[in-house]
Amino acid sequence: MIPAGIQLLGKLTIEKPTPYDLGLMFDSFKAISLKPYFGAQRARGCGEVNGTVNFRTENDEGLASVQFGGFKPAVILVTDLGKSFFDSGAVSS
C-alpha cells in the first residue's frame, strides 16, 4: 500500500506519436479526472489520485499540460507547438 500524500513521478515515451495518440491520452486523463480512483481500497476512502501530466517532444519542448483529479473535468492547456502538432501531425524542431 502507498501511504496517503506520496508524490509519484513517472515517464511514458511514445515513439513516433500521432495527434491521435495525444488525443487518446487526453481522453484517458479526462476520464480519470472524473473518477480518480486506483486500486481496491475505495470503500475505505483510499486510492484517490490527482496530478499534472506534461506532454513534451523528444527535445523537451512543451506540447500540453493536463491537470486531473478532484472529481472535476480535466484542465488541458495546449501550447502553440502542441496546436501545430495537432494541425500538421508532426512536430518540427
PDB file of N, CA and C in Angstrom:
ATOM      1  N   MET A   1       0.850  -1.171   0.000  1.00  0.00           N
ATOM      2  CA  MET A   1       0.000   0.000   0.000  1.00  0.00           C
ATOM      3  C   MET A   1       0.900   1.240   0.000  1.00  0.00           C
ATOM      4  N   ILE A   2       0.488   2.238  -0.746  1.00  0.00           N
ATOM      5  CA  ILE A   2       1.206   3.505  -0.804  1.00  0.00           C
ATOM      6  C   ILE A   2       0.552   4.462   0.197  1.00  0.00           C
ATOM      7  N   PRO A   3       1.310   5.029   1.122  1.00  0.00           N
ATOM      8  CA  PRO A   3       0.732   5.959   2.098  1.00  0.00           C
ATOM      9  C   PRO A   3       0.134   7.202   1.427  1.00  0.00           C
ATOM     10  N   ALA A   4      -0.879   7.760   2.044  1.00  0.00           N
ATOM     11  CA  ALA A   4      -1.523   8.977   1.541  1.00  0.00           C
ATOM     12  C   ALA A   4      -0.514  10.111   1.436  1.00  0.00           C
ATOM     13  N   GLY A   5      -0.668  10.921   0.407  1.00  0.00           N
ATOM     14  CA  GLY A   5       0.159  12.107   0.249  1.00  0.00           C
ATOM     15  C   GLY A   5       1.475  11.888  -0.464  1.00  0.00           C
ATOM     16  N   ILE A   6       1.772  10.657  -0.845  1.00  0.00           N
ATOM     17  CA  ILE A   6       3.029  10.374  -1.533  1.00  0.00           C
ATOM     18  C   ILE A   6       2.960  10.901  -2.965  1.00  0.00           C
ATOM     19  N   GLN A   7       3.998  11.571  -3.405  1.00  0.00           N
ATOM     20  CA  GLN A   7       4.071  12.076  -4.768  1.00  0.00           C
ATOM     21  C   GLN A   7       4.806  11.054  -5.635  1.00  0.00           C
ATOM     22  N   LEU A   8       4.143  10.633  -6.697  1.00  0.00           N
ATOM     23  CA  LEU A   8       4.738   9.675  -7.613  1.00  0.00           C
ATOM     24  C   LEU A   8       5.137  10.392  -8.896  1.00  0.00           C
ATOM     25  N   LEU A   9       6.290  10.060  -9.406  1.00  0.00           N
ATOM     26  CA  LEU A   9       6.770  10.628 -10.660  1.00  0.00           C
ATOM     27  C   LEU A   9       6.991   9.492 -11.651  1.00  0.00           C
ATOM     28  N   GLY A  10       6.736   9.759 -12.917  1.00  0.00           N
ATOM     29  CA  GLY A  10       6.936   8.729 -13.923  1.00  0.00           C
ATOM     30  C   GLY A  10       7.137   9.345 -15.285  1.00  0.00           C
ATOM     31  N   LYS A  11       7.451   8.497 -16.230  1.00  0.00           N
ATOM     32  CA  LYS A  11       7.680   8.949 -17.592  1.00  0.00           C
ATOM     33  C   LYS A  11       7.183   7.873 -18.543  1.00  0.00           C
ATOM     34  N   LEU A  12       6.487   8.284 -19.585  1.00  0.00           N
ATOM     35  CA  LEU A  12       5.993   7.397 -20.619  1.00  0.00           C
ATOM     36  C   LEU A  12       6.474   7.967 -21.945  1.00  0.00           C
ATOM     37  N   THR A  13       7.106   7.144 -22.745  1.00  0.00           N
ATOM     38  CA  THR A  13       7.594   7.587 -24.048  1.00  0.00           C
ATOM     39  C   THR A  13       6.772   6.928 -25.140  1.00  0.00           C
ATOM     40  N   ILE A  14       6.247   7.728 -26.040  1.00  0.00           N
ATOM     41  CA  ILE A  14       5.527   7.222 -27.205  1.00  0.00           C
ATOM     42  C   ILE A  14       6.400   7.520 -28.420  1.00  0.00           C
ATOM     43  N   GLU A  15       6.894   6.477 -29.048  1.00  0.00           N
ATOM     44  CA  GLU A  15       7.750   6.666 -30.210  1.00  0.00           C
ATOM     45  C   GLU A  15       6.898   6.966 -31.435  1.00  0.00           C
ATOM     46  N   LYS A  16       7.318   7.962 -32.197  1.00  0.00           N
ATOM     47  CA  LYS A  16       6.614   8.406 -33.402  1.00  0.00           C
ATOM     48  C   LYS A  16       5.132   8.677 -33.124  1.00  0.00           C
ATOM     49  N   PRO A  17       4.851   9.566 -32.177  1.00  0.00           N
ATOM     50  CA  PRO A  17       3.454   9.833 -31.812  1.00  0.00           C
ATOM     51  C   PRO A  17       2.693  10.534 -32.935  1.00  0.00           C
ATOM     52  N   THR A  18       1.400  10.320 -32.923  1.00  0.00           N
ATOM     53  CA  THR A  18       0.496  10.995 -33.855  1.00  0.00           C
ATOM     54  C   THR A  18      -0.469  11.852 -33.035  1.00  0.00           C
ATOM     55  N   PRO A  19      -1.177  12.767 -33.691  1.00  0.00           N
ATOM     56  CA  PRO A  19      -2.190  13.532 -32.966  1.00  0.00           C
ATOM     57  C   PRO A  19      -3.232  12.619 -32.301  1.00  0.00           C
ATOM     58  N   TYR A  20      -3.533  11.498 -32.941  1.00  0.00           N
ATOM     59  CA  TYR A  20      -4.478  10.542 -32.350  1.00  0.00           C
ATOM     60  C   TYR A  20      -3.962  10.039 -31.002  1.00  0.00           C
ATOM     61  N   ASP A  21      -2.669   9.725 -30.934  1.00  0.00           N
ATOM     62  CA  ASP A  21      -2.079   9.232 -29.686  1.00  0.00           C
ATOM     63  C   ASP A  21      -2.235  10.254 -28.565  1.00  0.00           C
ATOM     64  N   LEU A  22      -1.923  11.500 -28.864  1.00  0.00           N
ATOM     65  CA  LEU A  22      -2.021  12.547 -27.849  1.00  0.00           C
ATOM     66  C   LEU A  22      -3.480  12.746 -27.433  1.00  0.00           C
ATOM     67  N   GLY A  23      -4.380  12.738 -28.405  1.00  0.00           N
ATOM     68  CA  GLY A  23      -5.804  12.868 -28.097  1.00  0.00           C
ATOM     69  C   GLY A  23      -6.312  11.729 -27.228  1.00  0.00           C
ATOM     70  N   LEU A  24      -5.820  10.523 -27.486  1.00  0.00           N
ATOM     71  CA  LEU A  24      -6.201   9.364 -26.675  1.00  0.00           C
ATOM     72  C   LEU A  24      -5.721   9.531 -25.232  1.00  0.00           C
ATOM     73  N   MET A  25      -4.516  10.049 -25.060  1.00  0.00           N
ATOM     74  CA  MET A  25      -4.007  10.308 -23.708  1.00  0.00           C
ATOM     75  C   MET A  25      -4.850  11.373 -23.013  1.00  0.00           C
ATOM     76  N   PHE A  26      -5.210  12.435 -23.738  1.00  0.00           N
ATOM     77  CA  PHE A  26      -6.079  13.468 -23.162  1.00  0.00           C
ATOM     78  C   PHE A  26      -7.387  12.838 -22.682  1.00  0.00           C
ATOM     79  N   ASP A  27      -8.007  12.014 -23.542  1.00  0.00           N
ATOM     80  CA  ASP A  27      -9.278  11.387 -23.183  1.00  0.00           C
ATOM     81  C   ASP A  27      -9.136  10.494 -21.953  1.00  0.00           C
ATOM     82  N   SER A  28      -8.012   9.817 -21.845  1.00  0.00           N
ATOM     83  CA  SER A  28      -7.773   8.947 -20.687  1.00  0.00           C
ATOM     84  C   SER A  28      -7.726   9.756 -19.400  1.00  0.00           C
ATOM     85  N   PHE A  29      -7.011  10.869 -19.415  1.00  0.00           N
ATOM     86  CA  PHE A  29      -6.923  11.689 -18.200  1.00  0.00           C
ATOM     87  C   PHE A  29      -8.233  12.421 -17.913  1.00  0.00           C
ATOM     88  N   LYS A  30      -9.017  12.716 -18.940  1.00  0.00           N
ATOM     89  CA  LYS A  30     -10.350  13.285 -18.712  1.00  0.00           C
ATOM     90  C   LYS A  30     -11.204  12.302 -17.911  1.00  0.00           C
ATOM     91  N   ALA A  31     -11.148  11.025 -18.294  1.00  0.00           N
ATOM     92  CA  ALA A  31     -11.935  10.004 -17.598  1.00  0.00           C
ATOM     93  C   ALA A  31     -11.428   9.789 -16.169  1.00  0.00           C
ATOM     94  N   ILE A  32     -10.121   9.706 -15.998  1.00  0.00           N
ATOM     95  CA  ILE A  32      -9.546   9.533 -14.657  1.00  0.00           C
ATOM     96  C   ILE A  32      -9.923  10.699 -13.759  1.00  0.00           C
ATOM     97  N   SER A  33      -9.970  11.903 -14.329  1.00  0.00           N
ATOM     98  CA  SER A  33     -10.253  13.094 -13.536  1.00  0.00           C
ATOM     99  C   SER A  33     -11.635  13.047 -12.890  1.00  0.00           C
ATOM    100  N   LEU A  34     -12.602  12.473 -13.581  1.00  0.00           N
ATOM    101  CA  LEU A  34     -13.967  12.432 -13.070  1.00  0.00           C
ATOM    102  C   LEU A  34     -14.185  11.300 -12.076  1.00  0.00           C
ATOM    103  N   LYS A  35     -13.399  10.232 -12.187  1.00  0.00           N
ATOM    104  CA  LYS A  35     -13.452   9.102 -11.247  1.00  0.00           C
ATOM    105  C   LYS A  35     -12.011   8.755 -10.881  1.00  0.00           C
ATOM    106  N   PRO A  36     -11.396   9.583 -10.047  1.00  0.00           N
ATOM    107  CA  PRO A  36      -9.951   9.478  -9.811  1.00  0.00           C
ATOM    108  C   PRO A  36      -9.520   8.448  -8.772  1.00  0.00           C
ATOM    109  N   TYR A  37      -9.936   7.212  -8.960  1.00  0.00           N
ATOM    110  CA  TYR A  37      -9.557   6.163  -8.003  1.00  0.00           C
ATOM    111  C   TYR A  37      -8.747   5.079  -8.685  1.00  0.00           C
ATOM    112  N   PHE A  38      -7.696   4.629  -8.005  1.00  0.00           N
ATOM    113  CA  PHE A  38      -6.926   3.468  -8.424  1.00  0.00           C
ATOM    114  C   PHE A  38      -6.938   2.487  -7.259  1.00  0.00           C
ATOM    115  N   GLY A  39      -6.987   1.219  -7.557  1.00  0.00           N
ATOM    116  CA  GLY A  39      -6.909   0.208  -6.506  1.00  0.00           C
ATOM    117  C   GLY A  39      -8.273  -0.162  -5.961  1.00  0.00           C
ATOM    118  N   ALA A  40      -8.247  -1.076  -5.014  1.00  0.00           N
ATOM    119  CA  ALA A  40      -9.482  -1.654  -4.482  1.00  0.00           C
ATOM    120  C   ALA A  40      -9.858  -1.108  -3.113  1.00  0.00           C
ATOM    121  N   GLN A  41      -9.237  -0.058  -2.648  1.00  0.00           N
ATOM    122  CA  GLN A  41      -9.484   0.442  -1.301  1.00  0.00           C
ATOM    123  C   GLN A  41     -10.434   1.643  -1.261  1.00  0.00           C
ATOM    124  N   ARG A  42     -11.188   1.840  -2.337  1.00  0.00           N
ATOM    125  CA  ARG A  42     -12.096   2.980  -2.436  1.00  0.00           C
ATOM    126  C   ARG A  42     -13.076   3.029  -1.262  1.00  0.00           C
ATOM    127  N   ALA A  43     -13.588   1.885  -0.836  1.00  0.00           N
ATOM    128  CA  ALA A  43     -14.570   1.850   0.256  1.00  0.00           C
ATOM    129  C   ALA A  43     -13.985   2.377   1.561  1.00  0.00           C
ATOM    130  N   ARG A  44     -12.668   2.326   1.701  1.00  0.00           N
ATOM    131  CA  ARG A  44     -12.005   2.828   2.909  1.00  0.00           C
ATOM    132  C   ARG A  44     -11.550   4.273   2.749  1.00  0.00           C
ATOM    133  N   GLY A  45     -11.909   4.892   1.624  1.00  0.00           N
ATOM    134  CA  GLY A  45     -11.508   6.276   1.404  1.00  0.00           C
ATOM    135  C   GLY A  45     -10.102   6.421   0.864  1.00  0.00           C
ATOM    136  N   CYS A  46      -9.552   5.354   0.335  1.00  0.00           N
ATOM    137  CA  CYS A  46      -8.180   5.382  -0.192  1.00  0.00           C
ATOM    138  C   CYS A  46      -8.196   5.291  -1.714  1.00  0.00           C
ATOM    139  N   GLY A  47      -7.075   5.624  -2.325  1.00  0.00           N
ATOM    140  CA  GLY A  47      -6.904   5.424  -3.751  1.00  0.00           C
ATOM    141  C   GLY A  47      -7.206   6.619  -4.621  1.00  0.00           C
ATOM    142  N   GLU A  48      -7.609   7.745  -4.027  1.00  0.00           N
ATOM    143  CA  GLU A  48      -7.888   8.918  -4.856  1.00  0.00           C
ATOM    144  C   GLU A  48      -6.579   9.512  -5.361  1.00  0.00           C
ATOM    145  N   VAL A  49      -6.542   9.833  -6.663  1.00  0.00           N
ATOM    146  CA  VAL A  49      -5.346  10.399  -7.268  1.00  0.00           C
ATOM    147  C   VAL A  49      -5.657  11.733  -7.939  1.00  0.00           C
ATOM    148  N   ASN A  50      -4.633  12.559  -8.038  1.00  0.00           N
ATOM    149  CA  ASN A  50      -4.719  13.796  -8.807  1.00  0.00           C
ATOM    150  C   ASN A  50      -3.302  14.149  -9.227  1.00  0.00           C
ATOM    151  N   GLY A  51      -3.206  15.006 -10.213  1.00  0.00           N
ATOM    152  CA  GLY A  51      -1.865  15.374 -10.639  1.00  0.00           C
ATOM    153  C   GLY A  51      -1.836  16.215 -11.888  1.00  0.00           C
ATOM    154  N   THR A  52      -0.636  16.414 -12.376  1.00  0.00           N
ATOM    155  CA  THR A  52      -0.391  17.158 -13.605  1.00  0.00           C
ATOM    156  C   THR A  52       0.494  16.309 -14.494  1.00  0.00           C
ATOM    157  N   VAL A  53       0.116  16.224 -15.758  1.00  0.00           N
ATOM    158  CA  VAL A  53       0.893  15.490 -16.744  1.00  0.00           C
ATOM    159  C   VAL A  53       1.359  16.488 -17.790  1.00  0.00           C
ATOM    160  N   ASN A  54       2.654  16.481 -18.067  1.00  0.00           N
ATOM    161  CA  ASN A  54       3.223  17.366 -19.084  1.00  0.00           C
ATOM    162  C   ASN A  54       3.624  16.537 -20.295  1.00  0.00           C
ATOM    163  N   PHE A  55       3.154  16.946 -21.450  1.00  0.00           N
ATOM    164  CA  PHE A  55       3.487  16.278 -22.709  1.00  0.00           C
ATOM    165  C   PHE A  55       4.564  17.103 -23.394  1.00  0.00           C
ATOM    166  N   ARG A  56       5.685  16.439 -23.735  1.00  0.00           N
ATOM    167  CA  ARG A  56       6.849  17.134 -24.282  1.00  0.00           C
ATOM    168  C   ARG A  56       7.382  16.392 -25.499  1.00  0.00           C
ATOM    169  N   THR A  57       8.086  17.105 -26.359  1.00  0.00           N
ATOM    170  CA  THR A  57       8.745  16.482 -27.501  1.00  0.00           C
ATOM    171  C   THR A  57      10.024  15.811 -27.025  1.00  0.00           C
ATOM    172  N   GLU A  58      10.661  15.075 -27.909  1.00  0.00           N
ATOM    173  CA  GLU A  58      11.934  14.445 -27.540  1.00  0.00           C
ATOM    174  C   GLU A  58      13.020  15.477 -27.284  1.00  0.00           C
ATOM    175  N   ASN A  59      12.796  16.718 -27.752  1.00  0.00           N
ATOM    176  CA  ASN A  59      13.726  17.824 -27.492  1.00  0.00           C
ATOM    177  C   ASN A  59      13.328  18.618 -26.255  1.00  0.00           C
ATOM    178  N   ASP A  60      12.392  18.079 -25.475  1.00  0.00           N
ATOM    179  CA  ASP A  60      11.922  18.673 -24.225  1.00  0.00           C
ATOM    180  C   ASP A  60      11.124  19.964 -24.416  1.00  0.00           C
ATOM    181  N   GLU A  61      10.514  20.106 -25.585  1.00  0.00           N
ATOM    182  CA  GLU A  61       9.646  21.262 -25.840  1.00  0.00           C
ATOM    183  C   GLU A  61       8.217  20.904 -25.430  1.00  0.00           C
ATOM    184  N   GLY A  62       7.555  21.819 -24.750  1.00  0.00           N
ATOM    185  CA  GLY A  62       6.212  21.548 -24.250  1.00  0.00           C
ATOM    186  C   GLY A  62       5.156  21.521 -25.335  1.00  0.00           C
ATOM    187  N   LEU A  63       4.304  20.489 -25.286  1.00  0.00           N
ATOM    188  CA  LEU A  63       3.162  20.379 -26.196  1.00  0.00           C
ATOM    189  C   LEU A  63       1.855  20.689 -25.474  1.00  0.00           C
ATOM    190  N   ALA A  64       1.734  20.167 -24.252  1.00  0.00           N
ATOM    191  CA  ALA A  64       0.484  20.334 -23.500  1.00  0.00           C
ATOM    192  C   ALA A  64       0.699  19.965 -22.043  1.00  0.00           C
ATOM    193  N   SER A  65      -0.266  20.375 -21.230  1.00  0.00           N
ATOM    194  CA  SER A  65      -0.278  20.047 -19.811  1.00  0.00           C
ATOM    195  C   SER A  65      -1.710  19.686 -19.443  1.00  0.00           C
ATOM    196  N   VAL A  66      -1.874  18.621 -18.648  1.00  0.00           N
ATOM    197  CA  VAL A  66      -3.202  18.196 -18.213  1.00  0.00           C
ATOM    198  C   VAL A  66      -3.205  18.114 -16.689  1.00  0.00           C
ATOM    199  N   GLN A  67      -4.141  18.817 -16.072  1.00  0.00           N
ATOM    200  CA  GLN A  67      -4.348  18.722 -14.631  1.00  0.00           C
ATOM    201  C   GLN A  67      -5.592  17.871 -14.428  1.00  0.00           C
ATOM    202  N   PHE A  68      -5.472  16.814 -13.602  1.00  0.00           N
ATOM    203  CA  PHE A  68      -6.591  15.896 -13.442  1.00  0.00           C
ATOM    204  C   PHE A  68      -6.827  15.574 -11.970  1.00  0.00           C
ATOM    205  N   GLY A  69      -8.026  15.054 -11.702  1.00  0.00           N
ATOM    206  CA  GLY A  69      -8.403  14.638 -10.354  1.00  0.00           C
ATOM    207  C   GLY A  69      -9.420  15.564  -9.733  1.00  0.00           C
ATOM    208  N   GLY A  70      -9.781  15.254  -8.511  1.00  0.00           N
ATOM    209  CA  GLY A  70     -10.710  16.110  -7.778  1.00  0.00           C
ATOM    210  C   GLY A  70     -12.159  15.977  -8.195  1.00  0.00           C
ATOM    211  N   PHE A  71     -12.501  14.938  -8.970  1.00  0.00           N
ATOM    212  CA  PHE A  71     -13.872  14.729  -9.433  1.00  0.00           C
ATOM    213  C   PHE A  71     -14.362  15.882 -10.300  1.00  0.00           C
ATOM    214  N   LYS A  72     -13.417  16.610 -10.919  1.00  0.00           N
ATOM    215  CA  LYS A  72     -13.743  17.736 -11.795  1.00  0.00           C
ATOM    216  C   LYS A  72     -13.212  17.427 -13.188  1.00  0.00           C
ATOM    217  N   PRO A  73     -13.751  18.087 -14.209  1.00  0.00           N
ATOM    218  CA  PRO A  73     -13.196  17.895 -15.549  1.00  0.00           C
ATOM    219  C   PRO A  73     -11.708  18.262 -15.579  1.00  0.00           C
ATOM    220  N   ALA A  74     -10.949  17.499 -16.346  1.00  0.00           N
ATOM    221  CA  ALA A  74      -9.525  17.784 -16.501  1.00  0.00           C
ATOM    222  C   ALA A  74      -9.337  19.129 -17.188  1.00  0.00           C
ATOM    223  N   VAL A  75      -8.273  19.822 -16.814  1.00  0.00           N
ATOM    224  CA  VAL A  75      -7.917  21.097 -17.448  1.00  0.00           C
ATOM    225  C   VAL A  75      -6.760  20.801 -18.398  1.00  0.00           C
ATOM    226  N   ILE A  76      -6.986  21.056 -19.679  1.00  0.00           N
ATOM    227  CA  ILE A  76      -5.977  20.773 -20.703  1.00  0.00           C
ATOM    228  C   ILE A  76      -5.515  22.096 -21.304  1.00  0.00           C
ATOM    229  N   LEU A  77      -4.217  22.339 -21.211  1.00  0.00           N
ATOM    230  CA  LEU A  77      -3.613  23.535 -21.794  1.00  0.00           C
ATOM    231  C   LEU A  77      -2.660  23.080 -22.900  1.00  0.00           C
ATOM    232  N   VAL A  78      -2.910  23.539 -24.120  1.00  0.00           N
ATOM    233  CA  VAL A  78      -2.096  23.152 -25.268  1.00  0.00           C
ATOM    234  C   VAL A  78      -1.267  24.353 -25.711  1.00  0.00           C
ATOM    235  N   THR A  79       0.028  24.134 -25.887  1.00  0.00           N
ATOM    236  CA  THR A  79       0.912  25.222 -26.339  1.00  0.00           C
ATOM    237  C   THR A  79       0.733  25.448 -27.840  1.00  0.00           C
ATOM    238  N   ASP A  80       1.345  26.504 -28.344  1.00  0.00           N
ATOM    239  CA  ASP A  80       1.309  26.752 -29.789  1.00  0.00           C
ATOM    240  C   ASP A  80       1.945  25.589 -30.550  1.00  0.00           C
ATOM    241  N   LEU A  81       3.033  25.048 -30.009  1.00  0.00           N
ATOM    242  CA  LEU A  81       3.679  23.900 -30.644  1.00  0.00           C
ATOM    243  C   LEU A  81       2.745  22.695 -30.637  1.00  0.00           C
ATOM    244  N   GLY A  82       2.008  22.506 -29.558  1.00  0.00           N
ATOM    245  CA  GLY A  82       1.039  21.423 -29.485  1.00  0.00           C
ATOM    246  C   GLY A  82      -0.075  21.592 -30.498  1.00  0.00           C
ATOM    247  N   LYS A  83      -0.553  22.823 -30.666  1.00  0.00           N
ATOM    248  CA  LYS A  83      -1.583  23.093 -31.678  1.00  0.00           C
ATOM    249  C   LYS A  83      -1.050  22.786 -33.063  1.00  0.00           C
ATOM    250  N   SER A  84       0.194  23.161 -33.306  1.00  0.00           N
ATOM    251  CA  SER A  84       0.837  22.872 -34.592  1.00  0.00           C
ATOM    252  C   SER A  84       0.925  21.361 -34.803  1.00  0.00           C
ATOM    253  N   PHE A  85       1.241  20.626 -33.743  1.00  0.00           N
ATOM    254  CA  PHE A  85       1.313  19.164 -33.814  1.00  0.00           C
ATOM    255  C   PHE A  85      -0.031  18.585 -34.242  1.00  0.00           C
ATOM    256  N   PHE A  86      -1.125  19.068 -33.632  1.00  0.00           N
ATOM    257  CA  PHE A  86      -2.446  18.579 -33.997  1.00  0.00           C
ATOM    258  C   PHE A  86      -2.811  18.961 -35.432  1.00  0.00           C
ATOM    259  N   ASP A  87      -2.438  20.171 -35.845  1.00  0.00           N
ATOM    260  CA  ASP A  87      -2.784  20.630 -37.185  1.00  0.00           C
ATOM    261  C   ASP A  87      -2.004  19.905 -38.280  1.00  0.00           C
ATOM    262  N   SER A  88      -0.724  19.668 -38.034  1.00  0.00           N
ATOM    263  CA  SER A  88       0.113  19.096 -39.097  1.00  0.00           C
ATOM    264  C   SER A  88       0.412  17.611 -38.913  1.00  0.00           C
ATOM    265  N   GLY A  89       0.225  17.110 -37.712  1.00  0.00           N
ATOM    266  CA  GLY A  89       0.521  15.713 -37.457  1.00  0.00           C
ATOM    267  C   GLY A  89       1.971  15.456 -37.140  1.00  0.00           C
ATOM    268  N   ALA A  90       2.789  16.487 -37.080  1.00  0.00           N
ATOM    269  CA  ALA A  90       4.215  16.323 -36.793  1.00  0.00           C
ATOM    270  C   ALA A  90       4.728  17.541 -36.053  1.00  0.00           C
ATOM    271  N   VAL A  91       5.782  17.374 -35.339  1.00  0.00           N
ATOM    272  CA  VAL A  91       6.436  18.473 -34.625  1.00  0.00           C
ATOM    273  C   VAL A  91       7.722  18.789 -35.345  1.00  0.00           C
ATOM    274  N   SER A  92       7.900  20.035 -35.723  1.00  0.00           N
ATOM    275  CA  SER A  92       9.167  20.422 -36.337  1.00  0.00           C
ATOM    276  C   SER A  92      10.037  21.052 -35.277  1.00  0.00           C
ATOM    277  N   SER A  93      11.320  20.710 -35.304  1.00  0.00           N
ATOM    278  CA  SER A  93      12.252  21.237 -34.296  1.00  0.00           C
ATOM    279  C   SER A  93      13.135  22.288 -34.889  1.00  0.00           C
TER     280      SER A  93
END
